[in-house]
N, C-alpha and C. Protein backbone atom coordinates (compact mmCIF):
# COMPACT_ATOMS: atom_id res chain seq x y z
N MET A 1 376.21 0.65 98.15
CA MET A 1 375.88 1.82 98.95
C MET A 1 376.02 1.46 100.42
N GLN A 2 376.78 2.20 101.14
CA GLN A 2 376.97 1.96 102.57
C GLN A 2 375.73 2.43 103.32
N GLU A 3 375.51 1.81 104.47
CA GLU A 3 374.36 2.17 105.27
C GLU A 3 374.49 3.55 105.89
N THR A 4 375.70 4.04 106.10
CA THR A 4 375.88 5.34 106.73
C THR A 4 375.99 6.47 105.72
N LYS A 5 375.98 6.15 104.47
CA LYS A 5 376.09 7.17 103.43
C LYS A 5 374.77 7.93 103.32
N GLN A 6 374.85 9.23 103.15
CA GLN A 6 373.64 10.03 102.96
C GLN A 6 373.07 9.74 101.57
N ILE A 7 371.75 9.88 101.49
CA ILE A 7 371.07 9.70 100.22
C ILE A 7 371.01 11.06 99.54
N GLN A 8 371.59 11.15 98.38
CA GLN A 8 371.66 12.43 97.67
C GLN A 8 370.71 12.47 96.48
N THR A 9 370.51 11.34 95.82
CA THR A 9 369.74 11.35 94.57
C THR A 9 368.51 10.46 94.70
N LYS A 10 367.60 10.66 93.77
CA LYS A 10 366.40 9.81 93.72
C LYS A 10 366.78 8.36 93.45
N LYS A 11 367.79 8.17 92.63
CA LYS A 11 368.21 6.81 92.30
C LYS A 11 368.74 6.10 93.55
N GLU A 12 369.52 6.77 94.35
CA GLU A 12 370.02 6.19 95.61
C GLU A 12 368.85 5.88 96.55
N PHE A 13 367.90 6.81 96.58
CA PHE A 13 366.72 6.61 97.43
C PHE A 13 365.91 5.40 96.97
N GLU A 14 365.67 5.29 95.67
CA GLU A 14 364.92 4.15 95.11
C GLU A 14 365.62 2.84 95.41
N GLN A 15 366.93 2.84 95.27
CA GLN A 15 367.69 1.62 95.55
C GLN A 15 367.55 1.25 97.03
N PHE A 16 367.68 2.22 97.91
CA PHE A 16 367.54 1.99 99.34
C PHE A 16 366.12 1.51 99.67
N PHE A 17 365.14 2.16 99.04
CA PHE A 17 363.74 1.79 99.22
C PHE A 17 363.51 0.33 98.81
N ASN A 18 363.95 -0.03 97.61
CA ASN A 18 363.75 -1.39 97.10
C ASN A 18 364.46 -2.43 97.96
N THR A 19 365.57 -2.08 98.52
CA THR A 19 366.34 -3.01 99.34
C THR A 19 365.65 -3.28 100.68
N HIS A 20 365.04 -2.28 101.28
CA HIS A 20 364.57 -2.40 102.66
C HIS A 20 363.05 -2.38 102.85
N HIS A 21 362.31 -2.03 101.83
CA HIS A 21 360.86 -1.86 101.98
C HIS A 21 360.17 -3.11 102.54
N ALA A 22 360.37 -4.25 101.92
CA ALA A 22 359.66 -5.47 102.32
C ALA A 22 359.99 -5.86 103.77
N ASP A 23 361.26 -5.76 104.15
CA ASP A 23 361.65 -6.09 105.53
C ASP A 23 361.01 -5.14 106.54
N LEU A 24 360.95 -3.87 106.19
CA LEU A 24 360.35 -2.89 107.08
C LEU A 24 358.84 -3.12 107.23
N VAL A 25 358.18 -3.51 106.15
CA VAL A 25 356.75 -3.82 106.23
C VAL A 25 356.53 -5.01 107.16
N ARG A 26 357.35 -6.05 107.03
CA ARG A 26 357.24 -7.21 107.94
C ARG A 26 357.49 -6.78 109.38
N TYR A 27 358.44 -5.91 109.60
CA TYR A 27 358.76 -5.41 110.93
C TYR A 27 357.57 -4.64 111.52
N ALA A 28 357.00 -3.75 110.75
CA ALA A 28 355.85 -2.97 111.21
C ALA A 28 354.64 -3.88 111.46
N TYR A 29 354.50 -4.90 110.63
CA TYR A 29 353.37 -5.83 110.77
C TYR A 29 353.38 -6.52 112.14
N LYS A 30 354.57 -6.78 112.66
CA LYS A 30 354.68 -7.42 113.99
C LYS A 30 353.97 -6.59 115.06
N PHE A 31 353.93 -5.28 114.86
CA PHE A 31 353.30 -4.40 115.85
C PHE A 31 351.82 -4.17 115.56
N VAL A 32 351.51 -3.89 114.30
CA VAL A 32 350.15 -3.44 113.97
C VAL A 32 349.23 -4.55 113.47
N GLN A 33 349.78 -5.68 113.08
CA GLN A 33 349.00 -6.86 112.68
C GLN A 33 348.08 -6.63 111.49
N ARG A 34 348.39 -5.64 110.67
CA ARG A 34 347.63 -5.40 109.45
C ARG A 34 348.61 -4.97 108.37
N THR A 35 348.59 -5.68 107.25
CA THR A 35 349.53 -5.41 106.16
C THR A 35 349.34 -4.01 105.59
N ASP A 36 348.10 -3.59 105.39
CA ASP A 36 347.87 -2.27 104.81
C ASP A 36 348.38 -1.16 105.73
N VAL A 37 348.16 -1.30 107.02
CA VAL A 37 348.64 -0.30 107.97
C VAL A 37 350.16 -0.33 108.03
N ALA A 38 350.75 -1.53 108.06
CA ALA A 38 352.21 -1.65 108.09
C ALA A 38 352.82 -0.99 106.86
N SER A 39 352.22 -1.21 105.70
CA SER A 39 352.70 -0.60 104.47
C SER A 39 352.61 0.92 104.53
N ASP A 40 351.51 1.45 105.07
CA ASP A 40 351.35 2.90 105.22
C ASP A 40 352.41 3.47 106.17
N ILE A 41 352.69 2.77 107.23
CA ILE A 41 353.70 3.21 108.19
C ILE A 41 355.08 3.27 107.54
N VAL A 42 355.41 2.24 106.79
CA VAL A 42 356.70 2.21 106.11
C VAL A 42 356.78 3.33 105.08
N GLN A 43 355.68 3.55 104.38
CA GLN A 43 355.63 4.63 103.40
C GLN A 43 355.90 5.97 104.09
N GLU A 44 355.27 6.18 105.22
CA GLU A 44 355.46 7.43 105.97
C GLU A 44 356.92 7.55 106.45
N ALA A 45 357.51 6.43 106.86
CA ALA A 45 358.91 6.44 107.30
C ALA A 45 359.83 6.85 106.15
N PHE A 46 359.58 6.31 104.97
CA PHE A 46 360.40 6.68 103.82
C PHE A 46 360.20 8.15 103.42
N VAL A 47 358.98 8.65 103.57
CA VAL A 47 358.74 10.07 103.30
C VAL A 47 359.55 10.92 104.28
N LYS A 48 359.55 10.53 105.56
CA LYS A 48 360.35 11.26 106.55
C LYS A 48 361.84 11.20 106.19
N LEU A 49 362.29 10.04 105.74
CA LEU A 49 363.69 9.90 105.35
C LEU A 49 364.01 10.84 104.18
N TRP A 50 363.14 10.83 103.16
CA TRP A 50 363.40 11.66 101.99
C TRP A 50 363.37 13.15 102.34
N GLU A 51 362.36 13.54 103.13
CA GLU A 51 362.23 14.96 103.48
C GLU A 51 363.36 15.42 104.40
N GLY A 52 363.86 14.53 105.23
CA GLY A 52 364.91 14.91 106.18
C GLY A 52 366.30 14.47 105.78
N ARG A 53 366.44 14.04 104.54
CA ARG A 53 367.71 13.45 104.09
C ARG A 53 368.90 14.39 104.25
N ARG A 54 368.70 15.67 104.14
CA ARG A 54 369.81 16.61 104.26
C ARG A 54 370.20 16.84 105.72
N HIS A 55 369.28 16.52 106.65
CA HIS A 55 369.52 16.78 108.07
C HIS A 55 369.99 15.54 108.84
N ILE A 56 369.92 14.40 108.19
CA ILE A 56 370.36 13.16 108.84
C ILE A 56 371.88 13.11 108.79
N LEU A 57 372.46 12.85 109.92
CA LEU A 57 373.93 12.82 110.00
C LEU A 57 374.49 11.70 109.15
N ALA A 58 375.62 11.96 108.55
CA ALA A 58 376.27 11.00 107.64
C ALA A 58 376.80 9.78 108.39
N ASN A 59 377.04 9.91 109.68
CA ASN A 59 377.63 8.79 110.42
C ASN A 59 376.61 7.85 111.05
N ILE A 60 375.30 8.08 110.83
CA ILE A 60 374.31 7.15 111.38
C ILE A 60 373.86 6.18 110.29
N SER A 61 373.43 5.04 110.73
CA SER A 61 372.93 4.02 109.81
C SER A 61 371.51 4.39 109.37
N LEU A 62 371.31 4.54 108.08
CA LEU A 62 369.98 4.86 107.56
C LEU A 62 369.00 3.72 107.83
N LYS A 63 369.51 2.52 107.77
CA LYS A 63 368.67 1.35 108.04
C LYS A 63 368.20 1.39 109.50
N ALA A 64 369.10 1.63 110.43
CA ALA A 64 368.74 1.72 111.85
C ALA A 64 367.78 2.89 112.08
N TYR A 65 368.06 4.01 111.39
CA TYR A 65 367.18 5.18 111.48
C TYR A 65 365.77 4.82 111.04
N LEU A 66 365.63 4.15 109.90
CA LEU A 66 364.31 3.78 109.39
C LEU A 66 363.59 2.80 110.32
N TYR A 67 364.33 1.83 110.84
CA TYR A 67 363.70 0.89 111.78
C TYR A 67 363.18 1.62 113.01
N LYS A 68 363.92 2.59 113.49
CA LYS A 68 363.49 3.36 114.65
C LYS A 68 362.25 4.19 114.31
N VAL A 69 362.23 4.80 113.13
CA VAL A 69 361.07 5.58 112.70
C VAL A 69 359.85 4.67 112.56
N VAL A 70 360.03 3.51 111.95
CA VAL A 70 358.91 2.56 111.78
C VAL A 70 358.41 2.10 113.15
N TYR A 71 359.33 1.83 114.06
CA TYR A 71 358.96 1.42 115.42
C TYR A 71 358.11 2.51 116.09
N ASN A 72 358.59 3.75 116.04
CA ASN A 72 357.86 4.86 116.67
C ASN A 72 356.50 5.10 116.01
N LEU A 73 356.46 5.06 114.69
CA LEU A 73 355.18 5.23 113.99
C LEU A 73 354.20 4.11 114.32
N SER A 74 354.71 2.89 114.46
CA SER A 74 353.86 1.75 114.83
C SER A 74 353.28 1.94 116.22
N LEU A 75 354.12 2.36 117.16
CA LEU A 75 353.64 2.60 118.52
C LEU A 75 352.63 3.74 118.56
N ASN A 76 352.90 4.78 117.77
CA ASN A 76 351.93 5.89 117.68
C ASN A 76 350.59 5.40 117.15
N HIS A 77 350.64 4.55 116.15
CA HIS A 77 349.40 4.00 115.57
C HIS A 77 348.64 3.19 116.63
N ILE A 78 349.34 2.34 117.36
CA ILE A 78 348.71 1.52 118.40
C ILE A 78 348.09 2.41 119.48
N GLU A 79 348.82 3.45 119.86
CA GLU A 79 348.31 4.38 120.88
C GLU A 79 347.06 5.10 120.39
N GLN A 80 347.05 5.49 119.11
CA GLN A 80 345.86 6.13 118.54
C GLN A 80 344.67 5.17 118.56
N LEU A 81 344.92 3.91 118.26
CA LEU A 81 343.84 2.91 118.31
C LEU A 81 343.29 2.77 119.72
N LYS A 82 344.20 2.76 120.69
CA LYS A 82 343.77 2.66 122.10
C LYS A 82 342.94 3.87 122.50
N LEU A 83 343.40 5.06 122.09
CA LEU A 83 342.64 6.28 122.41
C LEU A 83 341.26 6.25 121.77
N ARG A 84 341.22 5.82 120.50
CA ARG A 84 339.92 5.72 119.82
C ARG A 84 339.02 4.72 120.52
N ALA A 85 339.60 3.59 120.92
CA ALA A 85 338.80 2.56 121.61
C ALA A 85 338.25 3.11 122.92
N ARG A 86 339.09 3.81 123.68
CA ARG A 86 338.62 4.40 124.94
C ARG A 86 337.53 5.43 124.66
N HIS A 87 337.73 6.21 123.62
CA HIS A 87 336.74 7.22 123.26
C HIS A 87 335.42 6.56 122.86
N HIS A 88 335.51 5.51 122.05
CA HIS A 88 334.30 4.79 121.63
C HIS A 88 333.63 4.13 122.83
N ASP A 89 334.44 3.56 123.73
CA ASP A 89 333.87 2.95 124.94
C ASP A 89 333.15 3.99 125.78
N SER A 90 333.76 5.16 125.88
CA SER A 90 333.15 6.24 126.65
C SER A 90 331.83 6.68 126.02
N ILE A 91 331.84 6.84 124.71
CA ILE A 91 330.62 7.23 124.01
C ILE A 91 329.56 6.14 124.16
N TYR A 92 329.96 4.88 124.01
CA TYR A 92 329.03 3.76 124.15
C TYR A 92 328.42 3.74 125.55
N THR A 93 329.26 3.94 126.56
CA THR A 93 328.78 3.95 127.94
C THR A 93 327.80 5.10 128.14
N ASP A 94 328.14 6.27 127.63
CA ASP A 94 327.24 7.43 127.74
C ASP A 94 325.90 7.16 127.06
N LEU A 95 325.96 6.57 125.86
CA LEU A 95 324.72 6.26 125.14
C LEU A 95 323.88 5.23 125.88
N MET A 96 324.56 4.24 126.45
CA MET A 96 323.82 3.22 127.20
C MET A 96 323.15 3.84 128.43
N GLU A 97 323.85 4.72 129.12
CA GLU A 97 323.27 5.39 130.28
C GLU A 97 322.09 6.27 129.87
N MET A 98 322.26 6.98 128.75
CA MET A 98 321.16 7.82 128.27
C MET A 98 319.96 6.96 127.89
N GLU A 99 320.22 5.84 127.24
CA GLU A 99 319.13 4.95 126.84
C GLU A 99 318.43 4.38 128.08
N MET A 100 319.23 3.99 129.07
CA MET A 100 318.64 3.44 130.29
C MET A 100 317.81 4.51 131.00
N ASP A 101 318.32 5.74 131.07
CA ASP A 101 317.56 6.83 131.69
C ASP A 101 316.27 7.07 130.92
N TYR A 102 316.38 7.05 129.59
CA TYR A 102 315.19 7.28 128.77
C TYR A 102 314.13 6.21 129.04
N TYR A 103 314.56 4.95 128.99
CA TYR A 103 313.59 3.88 129.20
C TYR A 103 313.11 3.81 130.64
N LYS A 104 313.98 4.20 131.58
CA LYS A 104 313.56 4.22 132.97
C LYS A 104 312.46 5.27 133.13
N ASP A 105 312.68 6.46 132.55
CA ASP A 105 311.66 7.51 132.63
C ASP A 105 310.39 7.08 131.91
N GLU A 106 310.58 6.48 130.72
CA GLU A 106 309.42 6.03 129.96
C GLU A 106 308.69 4.92 130.72
N LYS A 107 309.47 4.01 131.31
CA LYS A 107 308.87 2.91 132.06
C LYS A 107 308.11 3.45 133.26
N SER A 108 308.69 4.41 133.96
CA SER A 108 308.01 4.95 135.12
C SER A 108 306.74 5.69 134.70
N LEU A 109 306.78 6.36 133.52
CA LEU A 109 305.57 7.01 133.02
C LEU A 109 304.50 5.96 132.69
N LEU A 110 304.92 4.88 132.03
CA LEU A 110 303.98 3.81 131.72
C LEU A 110 303.42 3.18 133.00
N GLN A 111 304.30 2.96 133.96
CA GLN A 111 303.85 2.39 135.23
C GLN A 111 302.86 3.33 135.91
N GLU A 112 303.16 4.61 135.86
CA GLU A 112 302.26 5.60 136.47
C GLU A 112 300.91 5.60 135.76
N GLU A 113 300.92 5.51 134.42
CA GLU A 113 299.66 5.45 133.67
C GLU A 113 298.88 4.19 134.03
N ARG A 114 299.60 3.07 134.09
CA ARG A 114 298.93 1.81 134.44
C ARG A 114 298.36 1.88 135.86
N LEU A 115 299.14 2.42 136.77
CA LEU A 115 298.70 2.54 138.16
C LEU A 115 297.47 3.43 138.24
N GLU A 116 297.48 4.52 137.48
CA GLU A 116 296.33 5.42 137.47
C GLU A 116 295.11 4.71 136.89
N SER A 117 295.33 3.93 135.83
CA SER A 117 294.23 3.17 135.22
C SER A 117 293.67 2.15 136.21
N ILE A 118 294.57 1.49 136.93
CA ILE A 118 294.13 0.48 137.92
C ILE A 118 293.36 1.17 139.05
N ARG A 119 293.87 2.31 139.50
CA ARG A 119 293.17 3.04 140.58
C ARG A 119 291.76 3.46 140.13
N SER A 120 291.64 3.89 138.89
CA SER A 120 290.30 4.29 138.42
C SER A 120 289.38 3.07 138.34
N MET A 121 289.94 1.91 137.97
CA MET A 121 289.15 0.68 137.95
C MET A 121 288.79 0.27 139.38
N LEU A 122 289.71 0.48 140.29
CA LEU A 122 289.43 0.16 141.70
C LEU A 122 288.29 1.00 142.24
N ASN A 123 288.19 2.24 141.76
CA ASN A 123 287.10 3.11 142.20
C ASN A 123 285.73 2.58 141.75
N GLU A 124 285.73 1.75 140.72
CA GLU A 124 284.49 1.15 140.24
C GLU A 124 284.07 -0.04 141.10
N LEU A 125 284.99 -0.55 141.91
CA LEU A 125 284.69 -1.68 142.78
C LEU A 125 283.91 -1.21 144.01
N PRO A 126 283.21 -2.13 144.63
CA PRO A 126 282.52 -1.78 145.87
C PRO A 126 283.52 -1.31 146.94
N LYS A 127 283.07 -0.48 147.89
CA LYS A 127 283.93 0.13 148.89
C LYS A 127 284.79 -0.89 149.62
N GLY A 128 284.28 -1.98 150.04
CA GLY A 128 285.03 -3.00 150.77
C GLY A 128 286.18 -3.57 149.95
N CYS A 129 285.95 -3.73 148.67
CA CYS A 129 287.01 -4.25 147.79
C CYS A 129 288.14 -3.26 147.67
N TYR A 130 287.80 -2.01 147.42
CA TYR A 130 288.84 -1.00 147.23
C TYR A 130 289.72 -0.90 148.47
N GLU A 131 289.09 -0.89 149.62
CA GLU A 131 289.82 -0.74 150.87
C GLU A 131 290.80 -1.90 151.09
N VAL A 132 290.35 -3.12 150.85
CA VAL A 132 291.19 -4.30 151.05
C VAL A 132 292.36 -4.31 150.06
N ILE A 133 292.08 -4.03 148.78
CA ILE A 133 293.13 -4.01 147.77
C ILE A 133 294.13 -2.90 148.07
N ASP A 134 293.64 -1.74 148.46
CA ASP A 134 294.53 -0.63 148.79
C ASP A 134 295.46 -1.01 149.94
N LEU A 135 294.91 -1.58 150.99
CA LEU A 135 295.75 -1.98 152.14
C LEU A 135 296.73 -3.10 151.77
N SER A 136 296.27 -4.04 150.96
CA SER A 136 297.09 -5.20 150.61
C SER A 136 298.16 -4.85 149.57
N ARG A 137 297.74 -4.28 148.44
CA ARG A 137 298.65 -4.10 147.32
C ARG A 137 299.41 -2.77 147.33
N PHE A 138 298.77 -1.71 147.78
CA PHE A 138 299.42 -0.40 147.72
C PHE A 138 300.12 -0.02 149.03
N GLN A 139 299.57 -0.46 150.14
CA GLN A 139 300.21 -0.14 151.42
C GLN A 139 301.08 -1.29 151.92
N GLY A 140 300.97 -2.46 151.29
CA GLY A 140 301.85 -3.58 151.58
C GLY A 140 301.56 -4.31 152.88
N LEU A 141 300.33 -4.19 153.40
CA LEU A 141 300.00 -4.89 154.64
C LEU A 141 299.71 -6.37 154.39
N LYS A 142 300.03 -7.18 155.35
CA LYS A 142 299.74 -8.62 155.28
C LYS A 142 298.26 -8.83 155.59
N ASN A 143 297.72 -9.97 155.18
CA ASN A 143 296.30 -10.26 155.39
C ASN A 143 295.95 -10.21 156.89
N LYS A 144 296.81 -10.69 157.72
CA LYS A 144 296.56 -10.68 159.18
C LYS A 144 296.48 -9.24 159.69
N GLU A 145 297.35 -8.37 159.21
CA GLU A 145 297.33 -6.96 159.64
C GLU A 145 296.05 -6.26 159.17
N ILE A 146 295.63 -6.59 157.95
CA ILE A 146 294.40 -6.00 157.41
C ILE A 146 293.21 -6.46 158.25
N ALA A 147 293.19 -7.74 158.56
CA ALA A 147 292.10 -8.31 159.37
C ALA A 147 292.03 -7.61 160.72
N GLN A 148 293.16 -7.39 161.35
CA GLN A 148 293.18 -6.70 162.64
C GLN A 148 292.70 -5.26 162.50
N LYS A 149 293.14 -4.59 161.45
CA LYS A 149 292.78 -3.19 161.23
C LYS A 149 291.28 -3.04 160.98
N LEU A 150 290.69 -3.98 160.22
CA LEU A 150 289.27 -3.91 159.87
C LEU A 150 288.39 -4.69 160.86
N ASP A 151 289.06 -5.35 161.79
CA ASP A 151 288.37 -6.13 162.83
C ASP A 151 287.45 -7.20 162.21
N VAL A 152 288.03 -7.96 161.27
CA VAL A 152 287.32 -9.09 160.65
C VAL A 152 288.28 -10.28 160.62
N PRO A 153 287.76 -11.49 160.42
CA PRO A 153 288.64 -12.66 160.35
C PRO A 153 289.57 -12.62 159.11
N VAL A 154 290.73 -13.26 159.23
CA VAL A 154 291.70 -13.32 158.13
C VAL A 154 291.08 -13.96 156.91
N ARG A 155 290.29 -14.99 157.12
CA ARG A 155 289.65 -15.70 156.00
C ARG A 155 288.76 -14.75 155.19
N THR A 156 288.08 -13.83 155.87
CA THR A 156 287.23 -12.85 155.20
C THR A 156 288.08 -11.96 154.29
N ILE A 157 289.23 -11.55 154.81
CA ILE A 157 290.14 -10.71 154.02
C ILE A 157 290.61 -11.48 152.78
N GLU A 158 290.98 -12.73 152.96
CA GLU A 158 291.44 -13.55 151.82
C GLU A 158 290.35 -13.66 150.77
N THR A 159 289.10 -13.88 151.20
CA THR A 159 287.97 -14.00 150.28
C THR A 159 287.73 -12.69 149.55
N ARG A 160 287.78 -11.56 150.30
CA ARG A 160 287.57 -10.24 149.67
C ARG A 160 288.66 -9.95 148.63
N ILE A 161 289.89 -10.27 148.98
CA ILE A 161 290.99 -10.02 148.03
C ILE A 161 290.78 -10.85 146.77
N TYR A 162 290.41 -12.12 146.94
CA TYR A 162 290.18 -12.99 145.79
C TYR A 162 289.06 -12.43 144.91
N ARG A 163 287.94 -12.03 145.52
CA ARG A 163 286.80 -11.50 144.77
C ARG A 163 287.17 -10.18 144.08
N CYS A 164 287.88 -9.33 144.80
CA CYS A 164 288.27 -8.03 144.23
C CYS A 164 289.19 -8.22 143.02
N ILE A 165 290.13 -9.12 143.14
CA ILE A 165 291.05 -9.36 142.03
C ILE A 165 290.29 -9.94 140.84
N SER A 166 289.34 -10.84 141.10
CA SER A 166 288.53 -11.40 140.02
C SER A 166 287.74 -10.30 139.31
N LYS A 167 287.12 -9.40 140.07
CA LYS A 167 286.36 -8.30 139.48
C LYS A 167 287.30 -7.36 138.71
N LEU A 168 288.47 -7.14 139.27
CA LEU A 168 289.44 -6.27 138.62
C LEU A 168 289.89 -6.87 137.27
N LYS A 169 290.06 -8.18 137.24
CA LYS A 169 290.43 -8.84 135.99
C LYS A 169 289.36 -8.64 134.94
N GLU A 170 288.09 -8.73 135.35
CA GLU A 170 286.99 -8.49 134.41
C GLU A 170 287.03 -7.08 133.87
N LEU A 171 287.27 -6.10 134.74
CA LEU A 171 287.34 -4.70 134.32
C LEU A 171 288.51 -4.47 133.34
N VAL A 172 289.63 -5.13 133.62
CA VAL A 172 290.81 -4.99 132.75
C VAL A 172 290.50 -5.58 131.37
N LYS A 173 289.86 -6.74 131.35
CA LYS A 173 289.50 -7.36 130.06
C LYS A 173 288.59 -6.45 129.25
N ARG A 174 287.66 -5.80 129.91
CA ARG A 174 286.76 -4.89 129.20
C ARG A 174 287.48 -3.64 128.70
N ALA A 175 288.47 -3.20 129.45
CA ALA A 175 289.22 -2.00 129.08
C ALA A 175 290.15 -2.26 127.88
N VAL A 176 290.59 -3.49 127.74
CA VAL A 176 291.51 -3.82 126.66
C VAL A 176 290.75 -4.14 125.45
């Protein structure tokens, strides 16, 4: 059977199939790197050949035609994989952002609850303690700035902060 001869019968098609199938699978495998996918691609190429056998010109090489079809189908398969990968990456990125937003919101709610709990515990402390802790921890003032603001020595501020934190630790232990 010549390569440029049209395939007219099932027997001619089977003979052509048996002659070229294995080589075409190896050819497709070079692109897709999976035997099952390469085999599916070659199968699809042969289906295209059989369905279009009456429209294929008699002067073209059927072997060259099939190799070109297998090549194009392989590239299409690779492109589909790339599109799926980009789609999956996009979905993964979206999910990660949603998860981060969720936990950020949840974390800020937890932080707000903890802060509220600490503030209520601070209200149980003597007035001097609350004022020093508020200036130091919530307003971010340095011990020297607090001392100037309250017109007391820096050492007094350090002692008050230490005592307030110790009392706060006791309150936290009781709350837990």
